Amino acid sequence: MLFMMIVKASENSEAGNLPSPDLIEAMTKYNEKLVKAGVRVMAKGLHPSSNGIRLSFPKQGEIPVALDGPFPETNELIAGFILIEVESREEAIEWAMRMPDPQGYGEGQIELRQVF
């Protein structure tokens, strides 16, 4: 089963604030454990939404509208993701529960979603 651990954005990630050296080390160790266990497919961080473009489709069949970032709804934004291939939903939850606070400021949120 393929799952995506979606790291939600925060005010700090949107401001481009990098994690502390301690958090970088903790995340590196966590990713090494995922790789050693053979479950990590891919892991990437994303630039802040100030570098992003959002396309919306306000009218069916018409050309989409492009809007440059930043986007104000921080709680709807993604700062990064990790794809894992596991045997069960429970195993995916176990791996997600082991992740250090991805923001490091007590703002971290991870959304876990199964991929079709």
C-alpha atoms as a PDB file:
ATOM      1  CA  MET A   1       0.000   0.000   0.000  1.00  0.00           C
ATOM      2  CA  LEU A   2       1.322   3.410  -0.947  1.00  0.00           C
ATOM      3  CA  PHE A   3       0.850   6.297   1.477  1.00  0.00           C
ATOM      4  CA  MET A   4       1.849   9.935   1.382  1.00  0.00           C
ATOM      5  CA  MET A   5       2.863  11.662   4.574  1.00  0.00           C
ATOM      6  CA  ILE A   6       2.009  15.255   3.780  1.00  0.00           C
ATOM      7  CA  VAL A   7       3.896  17.788   5.882  1.00  0.00           C
ATOM      8  CA  LYS A   8       1.602  20.752   6.325  1.00  0.00           C
ATOM      9  CA  ALA A   9       3.036  24.247   5.924  1.00  0.00           C
ATOM     10  CA  SER A  10       3.351  26.691   8.793  1.00  0.00           C
ATOM     11  CA  GLU A  11       4.094  30.378   9.154  1.00  0.00           C
ATOM     12  CA  ASN A  12       7.767  29.479   9.568  1.00  0.00           C
ATOM     13  CA  SER A  13       7.973  27.238   6.501  1.00  0.00           C
ATOM     14  CA  GLU A  14       6.121  29.843   4.447  1.00  0.00           C
ATOM     15  CA  ALA A  15       8.603  32.481   5.638  1.00  0.00           C
ATOM     16  CA  GLY A  16      11.393  30.258   4.320  1.00  0.00           C
ATOM     17  CA  ASN A  17      12.822  29.653   7.806  1.00  0.00           C
ATOM     18  CA  LEU A  18      15.027  26.583   7.685  1.00  0.00           C
ATOM     19  CA  PRO A  19      14.824  23.944  10.406  1.00  0.00           C
ATOM     20  CA  SER A  20      17.379  23.950  13.206  1.00  0.00           C
ATOM     21  CA  PRO A  21      20.489  21.804  12.791  1.00  0.00           C
ATOM     22  CA  ASP A  22      19.065  19.445  15.444  1.00  0.00           C
ATOM     23  CA  LEU A  23      15.841  18.984  13.472  1.00  0.00           C
ATOM     24  CA  ILE A  24      17.750  18.455  10.223  1.00  0.00           C
ATOM     25  CA  GLU A  25      19.772  15.736  11.971  1.00  0.00           C
ATOM     26  CA  ALA A  26      16.613  14.134  13.434  1.00  0.00           C
ATOM     27  CA  MET A  27      14.864  14.158  10.046  1.00  0.00           C
ATOM     28  CA  THR A  28      17.973  12.711   8.365  1.00  0.00           C
ATOM     29  CA  LYS A  29      18.022   9.850  10.880  1.00  0.00           C
ATOM     30  CA  TYR A  30      14.273   9.295  10.400  1.00  0.00           C
ATOM     31  CA  ASN A  31      14.694   9.146   6.614  1.00  0.00           C
ATOM     32  CA  GLU A  32      17.617   6.743   7.005  1.00  0.00           C
ATOM     33  CA  LYS A  33      15.362   4.443   9.069  1.00  0.00           C
ATOM     34  CA  LEU A  34      12.701   4.578   6.339  1.00  0.00           C
ATOM     35  CA  VAL A  35      15.298   3.690   3.696  1.00  0.00           C
ATOM     36  CA  LYS A  36      16.858   0.918   5.805  1.00  0.00           C
ATOM     37  CA  ALA A  37      13.381  -0.581   6.365  1.00  0.00           C
ATOM     38  CA  GLY A  38      12.808  -0.465   2.592  1.00  0.00           C
ATOM     39  CA  VAL A  39       9.590   1.570   2.845  1.00  0.00           C
ATOM     40  CA  ARG A  40      10.628   5.010   1.590  1.00  0.00           C
ATOM     41  CA  VAL A  41       9.801   5.661  -2.049  1.00  0.00           C
ATOM     42  CA  MET A  42      10.528   9.396  -2.163  1.00  0.00           C
ATOM     43  CA  ALA A  43      10.870  12.381   0.166  1.00  0.00           C
ATOM     44  CA  LYS A  44      10.934  16.042  -0.875  1.00  0.00           C
ATOM     45  CA  GLY A  45      10.488  19.463   0.662  1.00  0.00           C
ATOM     46  CA  LEU A  46       8.723  22.239  -1.200  1.00  0.00           C
ATOM     47  CA  HIS A  47       9.583  25.898  -1.642  1.00  0.00           C
ATOM     48  CA  PRO A  48       7.264  28.386   0.102  1.00  0.00           C
ATOM     49  CA  SER A  49       4.048  29.254  -1.736  1.00  0.00           C
ATOM     50  CA  SER A  50       5.570  32.653  -2.593  1.00  0.00           C
ATOM     51  CA  ASN A  51       7.309  30.708  -5.384  1.00  0.00           C
ATOM     52  CA  GLY A  52       4.137  28.845  -6.341  1.00  0.00           C
ATOM     53  CA  ILE A  53       1.398  29.233  -8.907  1.00  0.00           C
ATOM     54  CA  ARG A  54      -2.184  28.179  -8.270  1.00  0.00           C
ATOM     55  CA  LEU A  55      -4.485  27.311 -11.164  1.00  0.00           C
ATOM     56  CA  SER A  56      -8.227  27.479 -10.678  1.00  0.00           C
ATOM     57  CA  PHE A  57     -11.004  26.429 -13.014  1.00  0.00           C
ATOM     58  CA  PRO A  58     -13.855  28.865 -12.322  1.00  0.00           C
ATOM     59  CA  LYS A  59     -15.834  27.995 -15.463  1.00  0.00           C
ATOM     60  CA  GLN A  60     -16.092  24.521 -16.930  1.00  0.00           C
ATOM     61  CA  GLY A  61     -14.488  24.210 -20.336  1.00  0.00           C
ATOM     62  CA  GLU A  62     -12.738  27.594 -20.142  1.00  0.00           C
ATOM     63  CA  ILE A  63      -9.076  28.427 -19.700  1.00  0.00           C
ATOM     64  CA  PRO A  64      -7.916  28.170 -16.069  1.00  0.00           C
ATOM     65  CA  VAL A  65      -6.904  31.268 -14.146  1.00  0.00           C
ATOM     66  CA  ALA A  66      -3.315  31.387 -12.849  1.00  0.00           C
ATOM     67  CA  LEU A  67      -2.544  33.149  -9.573  1.00  0.00           C
ATOM     68  CA  ASP A  68       0.986  33.725  -8.316  1.00  0.00           C
ATOM     69  CA  GLY A  69       1.753  33.003  -4.652  1.00  0.00           C
ATOM     70  CA  PRO A  70       2.076  33.566  -1.824  1.00  0.00           C
ATOM     71  CA  PHE A  71      -1.182  32.027  -0.704  1.00  0.00           C
ATOM     72  CA  PRO A  72      -2.608  33.222   2.615  1.00  0.00           C
ATOM     73  CA  GLU A  73      -4.276  29.980   3.775  1.00  0.00           C
ATOM     74  CA  THR A  74      -1.240  28.435   5.506  1.00  0.00           C
ATOM     75  CA  ASN A  75      -3.343  25.580   6.919  1.00  0.00           C
ATOM     76  CA  GLU A  76      -4.149  24.460   3.349  1.00  0.00           C
ATOM     77  CA  LEU A  77      -0.548  24.472   2.117  1.00  0.00           C
ATOM     78  CA  ILE A  78       2.031  21.708   1.920  1.00  0.00           C
ATOM     79  CA  ALA A  79       5.679  22.105   2.930  1.00  0.00           C
ATOM     80  CA  GLY A  80       6.832  18.651   1.824  1.00  0.00           C
ATOM     81  CA  PHE A  81       5.991  14.978   1.568  1.00  0.00           C
ATOM     82  CA  ILE A  82       7.287  11.465   2.036  1.00  0.00           C
ATOM     83  CA  LEU A  83       5.940   8.547   0.009  1.00  0.00           C
ATOM     84  CA  ILE A  84       6.088   5.187   1.755  1.00  0.00           C
ATOM     85  CA  GLU A  85       5.209   1.683   0.564  1.00  0.00           C
ATOM     86  CA  VAL A  86       3.946  -0.400   3.491  1.00  0.00           C
ATOM     87  CA  GLU A  87       1.857  -3.502   4.152  1.00  0.00           C
ATOM     88  CA  SER A  88      -1.026  -1.815   5.985  1.00  0.00           C
ATOM     89  CA  ARG A  89      -2.682   1.391   7.103  1.00  0.00           C
ATOM     90  CA  GLU A  90      -1.519   0.618  10.639  1.00  0.00           C
ATOM     91  CA  GLU A  91       2.109   0.388   9.511  1.00  0.00           C
ATOM     92  CA  ALA A  92       1.761   3.746   7.725  1.00  0.00           C
ATOM     93  CA  ILE A  93       0.415   5.304  10.927  1.00  0.00           C
ATOM     94  CA  GLU A  94       3.300   3.788  12.914  1.00  0.00           C
ATOM     95  CA  TRP A  95       5.861   5.348  10.556  1.00  0.00           C
ATOM     96  CA  ALA A  96       4.085   8.712  10.609  1.00  0.00           C
ATOM     97  CA  MET A  97       4.025   8.665  14.418  1.00  0.00           C
ATOM     98  CA  ARG A  98       7.826   8.249  14.454  1.00  0.00           C
ATOM     99  CA  MET A  99       8.462  11.407  12.414  1.00  0.00           C
ATOM    100  CA  PRO A 100       9.990  14.273  14.400  1.00  0.00           C
ATOM    101  CA  ASP A 101       7.969  17.506  14.493  1.00  0.00           C
ATOM    102  CA  PRO A 102       8.599  18.493  10.856  1.00  0.00           C
ATOM    103  CA  GLN A 103       8.437  22.207  11.601  1.00  0.00           C
ATOM    104  CA  GLY A 104      10.383  22.119  14.852  1.00  0.00           C
ATOM    105  CA  TYR A 105       8.482  25.030  16.327  1.00  0.00           C
ATOM    106  CA  GLY A 106       5.557  23.101  17.790  1.00  0.00           C
ATOM    107  CA  GLU A 107       3.642  23.904  14.572  1.00  0.00           C
ATOM    108  CA  GLY A 108       4.141  20.579  12.828  1.00  0.00           C
ATOM    109  CA  GLN A 109       1.252  18.687  11.271  1.00  0.00           C
ATOM    110  CA  ILE A 110       1.370  15.574   9.140  1.00  0.00           C
ATOM    111  CA  GLU A 111      -1.549  14.412   7.039  1.00  0.00           C
ATOM    112  CA  LEU A 112      -1.433  10.741   6.076  1.00  0.00           C
ATOM    113  CA  ARG A 113      -3.233   9.750   2.867  1.00  0.00           C
ATOM    114  CA  GLN A 114      -3.352   6.525   0.885  1.00  0.00           C
ATOM    115  CA  VAL A 115      -2.448   6.841  -2.787  1.00  0.00           C
ATOM    116  CA  PHE A 116      -4.643   5.201  -5.424  1.00  0.00           C
END
